[in-house]
Protein backbone atom coordinates (compact mmCIF):
# COMPACT_ATOMS: atom_id res chain seq x y z
CA MET A 1 9.98 -4.05 3.20
CA THR A 2 6.19 -3.99 3.48
CA LEU A 3 3.95 -0.99 4.17
CA LEU A 4 3.70 -2.02 7.82
CA GLU A 5 7.45 -1.44 8.18
CA ALA A 6 7.47 1.83 6.22
CA GLN A 7 8.05 5.20 7.92
CA GLU A 8 5.20 7.66 8.14
CA GLY A 9 5.42 10.64 5.79
CA LYS A 10 8.08 9.13 3.53
CA GLU A 11 7.35 8.36 -0.13
CA TYR A 12 8.11 4.86 -1.35
CA ILE A 13 7.82 3.10 -4.70
CA ILE A 14 5.70 -0.05 -4.91
CA LYS A 15 7.94 -2.94 -5.87
CA LYS A 16 5.27 -5.65 -6.07
CA ILE A 17 2.00 -6.91 -4.65
CA ASN A 18 2.33 -10.32 -2.95
CA THR A 19 -1.11 -11.84 -3.47
CA ASP A 20 -2.62 -14.55 -5.63
CA ASP A 21 -6.13 -13.10 -5.27
CA GLU A 22 -7.15 -11.65 -8.64
CA GLU A 23 -10.04 -9.66 -7.11
CA LEU A 24 -7.65 -8.02 -4.69
CA ASN A 25 -5.19 -7.23 -7.48
CA ALA A 26 -8.00 -5.66 -9.53
CA PHE A 27 -9.15 -3.61 -6.52
CA LEU A 28 -5.64 -2.31 -5.82
CA PHE A 29 -5.13 -1.51 -9.50
CA SER A 30 -8.37 0.55 -9.47
CA LEU A 31 -6.92 2.59 -6.57
CA GLY A 32 -3.73 3.21 -8.54
CA CYS A 33 -1.72 0.77 -6.43
CA TYR A 34 0.59 -1.16 -8.77
CA SER A 35 4.30 -1.68 -9.43
CA ASP A 36 6.52 1.40 -9.84
CA GLU A 37 3.81 3.73 -8.47
CA PRO A 38 4.69 6.08 -5.56
CA ILE A 39 2.89 5.52 -2.25
CA THR A 40 3.14 7.37 1.08
CA VAL A 41 2.17 6.04 4.51
CA ILE A 42 0.25 8.83 6.25
CA SER A 43 -0.14 7.02 9.57
CA HIS A 44 -0.01 3.57 11.14
CA LEU A 45 -3.15 2.35 12.88
CA LYS A 46 -3.78 -0.62 15.13
CA GLY A 47 -5.49 -2.57 12.32
CA GLY A 48 -3.40 -1.34 9.36
CA CYS A 49 -2.43 2.04 7.95
CA VAL A 50 -3.59 5.10 6.03
CA VAL A 51 -1.82 5.59 2.70
CA SER A 52 -1.77 8.23 -0.01
CA ILE A 53 -1.82 6.98 -3.60
CA LYS A 54 -2.00 9.59 -6.37
CA ASP A 55 -4.60 12.11 -5.11
CA GLY A 56 -6.45 9.76 -2.75
CA ARG A 57 -6.10 8.63 0.85
CA TYR A 58 -7.07 5.08 1.76
CA ASN A 59 -7.28 3.07 4.96
CA ILE A 60 -5.92 -0.41 4.31
CA ASP A 61 -5.96 -3.33 6.71
CA LYS A 62 -2.94 -5.12 8.14
CA GLN A 63 -3.19 -8.13 5.77
CA LEU A 64 -3.25 -5.90 2.70
CA ALA A 65 -0.41 -3.70 4.02
CA GLU A 66 1.74 -6.81 4.47
CA ALA A 67 1.09 -7.80 0.84
CA ILE A 68 2.40 -4.49 -0.60
CA VAL A 69 6.20 -4.55 -0.94
CA VAL A 70 7.91 -1.15 -1.29
CA TYR A 71 11.45 0.23 -1.60
């Protein structure tokens, strides 16, 4: 399932990032968003969602949320 399908307030583990864009992978890694890392969806927005990774909260767009696969 992707972050867009995830329930709000529930912690998930990132399974993989579905993107071939190295810049995007580097950006997500700098946020602490990589495989086997816990992530929580705080809320779903019209254009994406707000997530909590480690001690930070980030607003990510719909395209990026679809690229992050969680379980």
